[in-house]
Protein backbone atom coordinates (compact mmCIF):
# COMPACT_ATOMS: atom_id res chain seq x y z
CA MET A 1 0.30 -0.34 0.16
CA SER A 2 1.31 3.46 -0.82
CA SER A 3 1.78 6.32 1.45
CA GLY A 4 -1.21 8.16 0.04
CA GLN A 5 -3.05 5.48 0.31
CA ASP A 6 -1.88 5.05 4.22
CA LYS A 7 -3.03 8.44 4.89
CA SER A 8 -6.32 8.17 3.11
CA ALA A 9 -6.99 4.86 4.86
CA ALA A 10 -6.31 6.56 8.24
CA THR A 11 -8.16 9.66 7.90
CA THR A 12 -11.22 7.21 6.54
CA GLY A 13 -10.46 5.29 10.17
CA GLN A 14 -10.26 8.62 12.04
CA SER A 15 -13.68 9.89 10.54
CA LEU A 16 -15.12 6.71 10.96
CA THR A 17 -14.16 6.58 14.91
CA ARG A 18 -15.56 10.14 15.65
CA ALA A 19 -18.77 8.83 13.56
CA GLU A 20 -19.38 6.10 16.11
CA PRO A 21 -17.96 4.63 18.77
CA GLY A 22 -16.06 1.38 18.43
CA ALA A 23 -17.04 -2.34 18.57
CA CYS A 24 -15.10 -2.74 21.82
CA ALA A 25 -17.01 1.01 23.49
CA SER A 26 -18.35 0.40 26.81
CA THR A 27 -22.39 1.02 26.93
CA TRP A 28 -21.32 4.45 28.86
CA GLN A 29 -18.90 5.52 25.90
CA ARG A 30 -21.76 4.68 23.77
CA LEU A 31 -24.78 6.80 25.81
CA TRP A 32 -21.76 9.54 25.76
CA PHE A 33 -21.59 9.80 22.01
CA GLY A 34 -25.55 9.44 21.41
CA VAL A 35 -25.77 12.29 24.10
CA LYS A 36 -23.16 14.56 22.78
CA GLY A 37 -24.15 13.62 19.14
CA GLY A 38 -27.72 15.49 19.68
CA GLY A 39 -29.82 13.72 18.39
CA TRP A 40 -31.91 12.82 21.02
CA ALA A 41 -33.02 16.83 20.60
CA LEU A 42 -35.21 16.06 18.02
CA HIS A 43 -36.87 13.10 19.67
CA ILE A 44 -37.49 15.65 22.16
CA VAL A 45 -39.41 17.66 20.20
CA TYR A 46 -41.15 15.29 19.12
CA LEU A 47 -42.16 14.08 22.71
CA GLY A 48 -43.48 17.81 23.26
CA ALA A 49 -45.30 17.84 20.04
CA ALA A 50 -46.97 15.18 21.08
CA TRP A 51 -47.86 16.30 24.07
CA VAL A 52 -49.34 19.65 22.31
CA ILE A 53 -51.48 17.65 19.81
CA THR A 54 -52.81 15.41 22.49
CA LYS A 55 -53.86 19.07 24.69
CA VAL A 56 -55.20 20.35 21.67
CA TYR A 57 -57.22 17.36 21.12
CA TRP A 58 -59.11 16.73 24.02
CA ARG A 59 -59.90 20.61 24.14
CA MET A 60 -61.44 20.40 20.44
CA THR A 61 -62.95 17.18 20.80
CA ALA A 62 -66.26 15.85 22.20
CA GLN A 63 -67.73 12.50 22.97
CA LEU A 64 -70.39 10.93 21.10
CA ASP A 65 -73.37 10.01 24.00
CA VAL A 66 -73.19 6.40 22.45
CA ALA A 67 -69.61 5.48 22.98
CA THR A 68 -68.32 7.88 25.51
CA ILE A 69 -64.27 6.78 26.62
CA GLU A 70 -65.65 5.33 29.63
CA MET A 71 -68.55 3.22 27.17
CA MET A 72 -65.73 1.95 25.10
CA VAL A 73 -63.84 0.85 27.92
CA ASP A 74 -66.35 -1.00 30.00
CA GLY A 75 -68.12 -2.62 26.88
CA THR A 76 -71.12 -1.10 26.50
CA ALA A 77 -70.58 1.42 23.85
CA GLU A 78 -72.94 0.68 20.69
CA ALA A 79 -72.27 -0.76 17.80
CA PRO A 80 -70.03 -0.21 15.20
CA PHE A 81 -68.07 1.63 17.98
CA ALA A 82 -67.78 -1.25 19.92
CA TYR A 83 -66.09 -3.22 17.33
CA ARG A 84 -62.96 -1.90 17.64
CA ILE A 85 -61.56 -3.66 20.00
CA LEU A 86 -57.45 -2.96 20.82
CA MET A 87 -57.80 0.67 22.87
CA PRO A 88 -60.37 -0.08 24.59
CA TRP A 89 -58.54 -3.00 25.80
CA VAL A 90 -55.35 -1.19 26.59
CA LEU A 91 -56.95 1.32 28.52
CA ARG A 92 -58.92 -1.25 30.37
CA THR A 93 -55.57 -3.35 30.94
CA LEU A 94 -53.38 0.04 32.00
CA CYS A 95 -56.77 1.26 34.35
CA ARG A 96 -56.32 -2.36 36.26
CA VAL A 97 -52.65 -3.03 36.34
CA ASP A 98 -51.82 0.57 37.25
CA GLY A 99 -53.98 1.51 39.31
CA VAL A 100 -55.52 4.42 37.22
CA GLY A 101 -59.13 4.99 37.98
CA ASP A 102 -59.86 7.53 35.38
CA PRO A 103 -59.22 6.11 31.57
CA MET A 104 -59.17 9.69 30.18
CA LEU A 105 -55.86 9.84 32.50
CA ALA A 106 -54.26 6.37 30.76
CA ASP A 107 -55.66 7.54 27.23
CA ILE A 108 -53.75 10.93 27.39
CA GLY A 109 -50.39 9.12 28.51
CA LEU A 110 -51.18 6.39 25.50
CA ARG A 111 -51.88 8.87 23.23
CA ILE A 112 -48.81 10.74 23.53
CA LEU A 113 -46.64 7.74 23.30
CA ILE A 114 -48.21 6.48 20.25
CA LEU A 115 -48.08 9.96 18.61
CA TYR A 116 -44.20 10.21 19.25
CA GLY A 117 -43.77 6.89 18.05
CA LEU A 118 -46.24 7.63 14.87
CA MET A 119 -43.73 10.94 14.60
CA VAL A 120 -40.50 8.30 14.95
CA LEU A 121 -42.32 6.15 12.23
CA LEU A 122 -43.22 9.13 9.78
CA ARG A 123 -38.94 10.23 9.85
CA ARG A 124 -38.14 6.66 8.93
CA TRP A 125 -40.62 6.75 6.38
CA MET A 126 -40.21 10.17 4.86
CA ARG A 127 -36.33 9.41 4.55
CA HIS A 128 -36.71 6.36 1.79
CA PHE A 129 -38.05 9.58 -0.21
CA VAL A 130 -37.23 12.96 0.23
CA THR A 131 -33.92 14.48 2.03
CA PRO A 132 -33.07 13.66 6.15
CA ILE A 133 -33.65 17.40 6.64
CA LEU A 134 -36.95 17.33 5.25
CA ALA A 135 -37.85 14.12 6.72
CA ASP A 136 -36.73 14.93 10.11
CA PHE A 137 -38.91 17.77 9.79
CA SER A 138 -41.70 16.45 7.94
CA PRO A 139 -43.37 14.82 11.62
CA LEU A 140 -43.62 18.02 12.82
CA LEU A 141 -46.59 18.69 10.48
CA LEU A 142 -49.18 16.77 12.14
CA GLY A 143 -49.00 19.28 14.73
CA ILE A 144 -50.54 21.98 12.12
CA ILE A 145 -52.51 19.30 10.12
CA LEU A 146 -54.13 16.92 12.56
CA PRO A 147 -56.01 19.97 14.69
CA GLY A 148 -58.19 20.68 11.59
CA THR A 149 -59.17 17.19 11.60
CA PHE A 150 -60.71 17.04 15.91
CA TYR A 151 -64.41 17.04 16.07
CA TRP A 152 -65.12 13.73 17.98
CA TYR A 153 -63.29 12.00 20.38
CA TRP A 154 -62.04 8.21 19.14
CA PRO A 155 -59.83 6.44 21.13
CA TYR A 156 -58.46 4.52 17.86
CA ASP A 157 -57.83 6.95 15.48
CA PHE A 158 -54.15 7.70 16.36
CA ALA A 159 -53.65 4.10 16.80
CA GLY A 160 -55.03 3.54 13.67
CA PHE A 161 -52.96 6.22 12.04
CA PHE A 162 -49.72 4.23 13.70
CA PHE A 163 -50.29 1.03 12.54
CA TRP A 164 -51.10 2.72 8.53
CA THR A 165 -47.71 4.24 8.91
CA ALA A 166 -46.07 1.00 10.13
CA CYS A 167 -47.62 -1.27 7.70
CA LEU A 168 -46.51 0.99 4.90
CA LEU A 169 -42.57 1.27 6.55
CA ALA A 170 -42.76 -2.61 6.30
CA LEU A 171 -44.02 -2.41 2.85
CA VAL A 172 -41.24 -0.12 1.49
CA GLU A 173 -38.84 -2.01 3.49
CA ARG A 174 -40.28 -5.35 1.93
CA ARG A 175 -40.14 -6.55 5.39
CA TYR A 176 -43.51 -9.21 4.54
CA TRP A 177 -43.75 -10.60 8.29
CA LEU A 178 -43.51 -7.49 10.34
CA TYR A 179 -46.12 -5.79 7.73
CA LEU A 180 -48.47 -8.69 8.46
CA LEU A 181 -48.02 -8.41 12.18
CA CYS A 182 -48.86 -4.73 11.57
CA PHE A 183 -51.90 -5.74 9.73
CA ILE A 184 -53.36 -8.37 12.18
CA VAL A 185 -53.08 -5.80 15.56
CA GLY A 186 -54.31 -2.89 13.28
CA SER A 187 -57.21 -4.74 12.29
CA LEU A 188 -58.08 -5.33 15.37
CA ASN A 189 -58.29 -1.84 16.31
CA ARG A 190 -60.18 -0.35 13.04
CA GLU A 191 -61.51 -1.94 9.68
CA THR A 192 -59.75 0.46 7.35
CA THR A 193 -56.74 -1.83 7.17
CA VAL A 194 -58.86 -3.77 4.71
CA LEU A 195 -57.46 -1.10 1.98
CA LEU A 196 -53.66 -2.22 2.75
CA ILE A 197 -54.73 -5.55 0.89
CA GLY A 198 -54.99 -3.69 -2.24
CA ILE A 199 -51.82 -1.20 -1.42
CA PHE A 200 -49.83 -4.58 -1.09
CA ALA A 201 -50.96 -6.19 -4.46
CA ALA A 202 -50.44 -2.84 -6.49
CA THR A 203 -46.84 -2.15 -4.59
CA GLN A 204 -45.36 -5.80 -4.32
CA TRP A 205 -46.76 -7.70 -7.34
CA GLN A 206 -43.20 -6.47 -9.30
CA GLU A 207 -41.07 -7.54 -6.67
CA LEU A 208 -42.86 -10.80 -5.32
CA GLY A 209 -44.33 -11.89 -8.84
CA ARG A 210 -48.23 -12.60 -9.60
CA ARG A 211 -48.73 -15.70 -7.88
CA ARG A 212 -46.61 -14.73 -4.77
CA THR A 213 -48.76 -11.63 -4.39
CA LEU A 214 -52.25 -12.98 -4.55
CA LEU A 215 -51.49 -15.62 -2.27
CA TRP A 216 -50.14 -12.82 0.40
CA ALA A 217 -53.52 -10.74 -0.45
CA ALA A 218 -55.62 -13.59 -0.55
CA GLY A 219 -54.10 -14.79 2.86
CA GLN A 220 -54.52 -10.97 4.01
CA GLY A 221 -58.23 -11.32 3.48
CA VAL A 222 -59.18 -14.14 5.00
CA ILE A 223 -56.97 -13.12 8.16
CA PHE A 224 -58.86 -9.45 8.01
CA VAL A 225 -62.70 -11.41 7.91
CA ALA A 226 -61.54 -14.01 10.15
CA ILE A 227 -60.92 -11.02 12.79
CA ALA A 228 -64.08 -8.98 11.81
CA LEU A 229 -66.36 -11.96 11.73
CA SER A 230 -64.88 -13.03 15.26
CA ILE A 231 -65.13 -9.92 16.67
CA ARG A 232 -68.73 -8.96 15.56
CA LEU A 233 -69.91 -12.67 16.96
CA LEU A 234 -67.85 -12.24 20.43
CA VAL A 235 -68.99 -8.46 21.19
CA HIS A 236 -72.20 -7.62 21.58
CA ALA A 237 -73.36 -4.63 21.40
CA PRO A 238 -76.26 -2.89 23.14
CA GLY A 239 -77.39 -1.36 20.11
CA GLY A 240 -76.05 0.50 17.33
CA GLU A 241 -75.39 -1.02 13.51
CA PHE A 242 -73.26 -3.58 11.89
CA ALA A 243 -72.06 -0.90 9.68
CA GLU A 244 -72.75 3.22 9.59
CA MET A 245 -74.11 4.45 6.26
CA HIS A 246 -74.20 7.94 5.54
CA LEU A 247 -74.32 8.49 2.15
CA LEU A 248 -77.41 10.83 2.10
CA GLU A 249 -76.16 12.97 5.09
CA ASN A 250 -72.75 12.96 2.99
CA LEU A 251 -74.89 14.49 0.07
CA SER A 252 -76.55 17.07 1.69
CA PHE A 253 -73.38 17.78 3.42
CA ILE A 254 -71.95 18.16 -0.13
CA ALA A 255 -75.18 20.22 -1.29
CA GLY A 256 -75.20 22.59 1.54
CA ARG A 257 -78.22 24.16 3.17
CA ASN A 258 -77.40 27.94 1.95
CA ALA A 259 -73.93 29.62 0.38
CA LEU A 260 -72.62 30.16 3.86
CA SER A 261 -72.81 26.45 4.72
CA LEU A 262 -71.75 25.44 1.26
CA PHE A 263 -68.36 27.25 1.49
CA GLU A 264 -67.78 26.06 4.99
CA ASN A 265 -68.46 22.46 4.17
CA TRP A 266 -66.71 22.18 0.76
CA MET A 267 -63.43 23.92 2.82
CA THR A 268 -63.75 20.97 5.49
CA MET A 269 -63.64 18.52 2.73
CA LEU A 270 -60.43 20.29 1.03
CA SER A 271 -58.70 20.97 4.16
CA ALA A 272 -58.47 16.92 4.29
CA LEU A 273 -54.98 15.92 4.29
CA GLY A 274 -53.78 19.66 5.42
CA PHE A 275 -54.39 20.63 1.68
CA LEU A 276 -51.30 18.41 0.48
CA TRP A 277 -53.27 16.97 -2.08
CA ILE A 278 -52.74 20.09 -4.00
CA LEU A 279 -48.66 19.31 -4.05
CA ALA A 280 -48.66 15.92 -4.60
CA PRO A 281 -49.61 15.76 -8.36
CA TRP A 282 -47.34 17.65 -9.52
CA ARG A 283 -44.35 16.15 -11.81
CA TRP A 284 -46.40 13.05 -11.33
CA HIS A 285 -44.30 11.01 -13.73
CA ARG A 286 -41.03 12.02 -11.54
CA LYS A 287 -42.77 10.68 -8.27
CA SER A 288 -41.67 7.48 -6.34
CA VAL A 289 -43.18 4.27 -8.52
CA PHE A 290 -44.34 2.84 -4.56
CA LEU A 291 -46.30 6.37 -3.85
CA ARG A 292 -48.06 6.10 -7.60
CA ARG A 293 -49.17 2.48 -7.17
CA ALA A 294 -50.27 3.08 -3.58
CA CYS A 295 -52.67 5.80 -4.47
CA TRP A 296 -54.42 3.89 -6.96
CA LEU A 297 -56.16 2.77 -3.91
CA PHE A 298 -57.36 5.73 -2.88
CA PRO A 299 -60.63 6.57 -5.46
CA VAL A 300 -61.54 2.63 -3.44
CA ALA A 301 -60.97 4.82 0.26
CA ALA A 302 -63.15 8.51 -1.57
CA GLY A 303 -65.63 6.08 -2.25
CA ALA A 304 -66.47 3.73 0.89
CA ASN A 305 -65.64 7.17 2.78
CA LEU A 306 -68.74 8.68 0.70
CA VAL A 307 -70.61 5.53 1.84
CA LEU A 308 -69.69 4.65 5.10
CA GLY A 309 -67.73 7.87 6.50
CA ARG A 310 -68.60 11.34 7.58
CA LEU A 311 -67.09 13.91 5.22
CA ALA A 312 -67.78 16.28 8.17
CA GLU A 313 -64.78 15.08 9.43
CA PRO A 314 -61.79 15.43 7.89
CA ARG A 315 -59.85 12.73 10.41
CA LEU A 316 -61.44 9.78 7.67
CA TRP A 317 -58.39 10.60 5.39
CA ASN A 318 -55.25 10.70 8.42
CA ASP A 319 -54.42 7.30 6.89
CA TRP A 320 -53.47 8.54 3.67
CA LEU A 321 -51.29 11.41 5.12
CA PRO A 322 -47.62 9.58 5.27
CA ILE A 323 -48.37 8.88 1.13
CA PHE A 324 -49.48 12.24 0.67
CA MET A 325 -46.81 13.88 2.85
CA ALA A 326 -44.05 11.95 0.61
CA LEU A 327 -45.14 12.98 -2.25
CA SER A 328 -45.66 16.84 -1.36
CA GLY A 329 -41.81 16.11 0.26
CA GLN A 330 -40.96 14.97 -3.44
CA THR A 331 -42.52 18.01 -5.27
CA VAL A 332 -41.08 20.64 -2.62
CA ALA A 333 -37.64 18.97 -3.72
CA GLU A 334 -38.29 19.58 -7.50
CA PHE A 335 -39.42 23.10 -7.69
CA ALA A 336 -36.24 23.32 -4.63
CA ALA A 337 -34.23 22.02 -7.56
CA GLU A 338 -35.62 24.53 -10.29
CA GLU A 339 -35.53 27.19 -8.66
CA HIS A 340 -31.62 26.61 -7.68
CA ALA A 341 -30.64 25.81 -11.22
CA ALA A 342 -32.28 29.27 -12.37
CA GLN A 343 -31.26 31.40 -9.25
CA PRO A 344 -27.67 29.66 -8.10
CA ALA A 345 -26.90 32.94 -6.56
CA ALA A 346 -29.83 32.91 -4.23
CA PHE A 347 -28.61 29.90 -2.66
CA GLY A 348 -25.44 30.30 -2.29
CA PRO A 349 -23.17 31.65 1.05
CA ALA A 350 -24.15 35.24 2.56
CA SER A 351 -22.08 37.48 0.95
CA ARG A 352 -19.73 39.07 2.96
CA GLU A 353 -18.28 42.54 3.44
CA PRO A 354 -14.73 42.95 2.23
CA ALA A 355 -12.10 43.12 5.47
CA ALA A 356 -11.10 46.20 7.02
CA GLN A 357 -8.32 47.82 5.82
């Protein structure tokens, strides 16, 4: 090896040593490196944002009289709310184990942790599509977007958002068994996971091949139906419906009662996804193939929301936020690149005053 190569290797070794502690480093050395590196600060910001969003959530939402938090926890909520069993079961367990008498307190603490975990997942998800710095700050958009979706209190909404994001992340990283686990747990939380079957097929058929994709999709369909039917056989709700139907209500909401309500209703609907749908389609042919194929299921989701959901609640679209955040992030990156090419001087270092003579 030449002296130049030795010097290069030494320099590389030094930079690697500075980048992370060696394999023989003690636990305390690794801990000190993590503290000194400052990466923890971003997680503190995420945790603080999760607390703020949770605080705003409790101030802005109201509890439905047939599905209050107490009714959800003790199993007396009406159908179909009673069929979303995961989070009420978790809250009931926390109240018993920790001795917390008020399920609302348990929900607040759990909601903060779920939101923090969601932000960590979103950061990792976004790093597959945009620059690291944009990915690091993207989760903080939830503090702007989510408050506009708050309407009724539901203990399962943020958890559903979490499991959807986890499933999407597992798919883009091709960790199929982790995806299946998140799909199963998410299906115990909310029925909207059924759309993930279509997203799986749309995004993975080229990777897995037609036969394996169909087998995986069919397996997920069997699992989803088994979970849905088992819950409906085991949970005896005191009232309500097998599934909510809101088509006529939604058509009336779209039409509005007068000019003012028409404007307000349409602004509510257009505010879905934090208006990111405006940025998402730009330069569509340059977007990630994974994201474009996942959007094949968006019309299906729109049709389901029109019939089964309430368009007055923009939260219906929150599960799609990871996809639209990534699409919008790629659009912003495209715009920035074009502006940089047109005006490179505007992105250069700040001009410096000449040194004093």
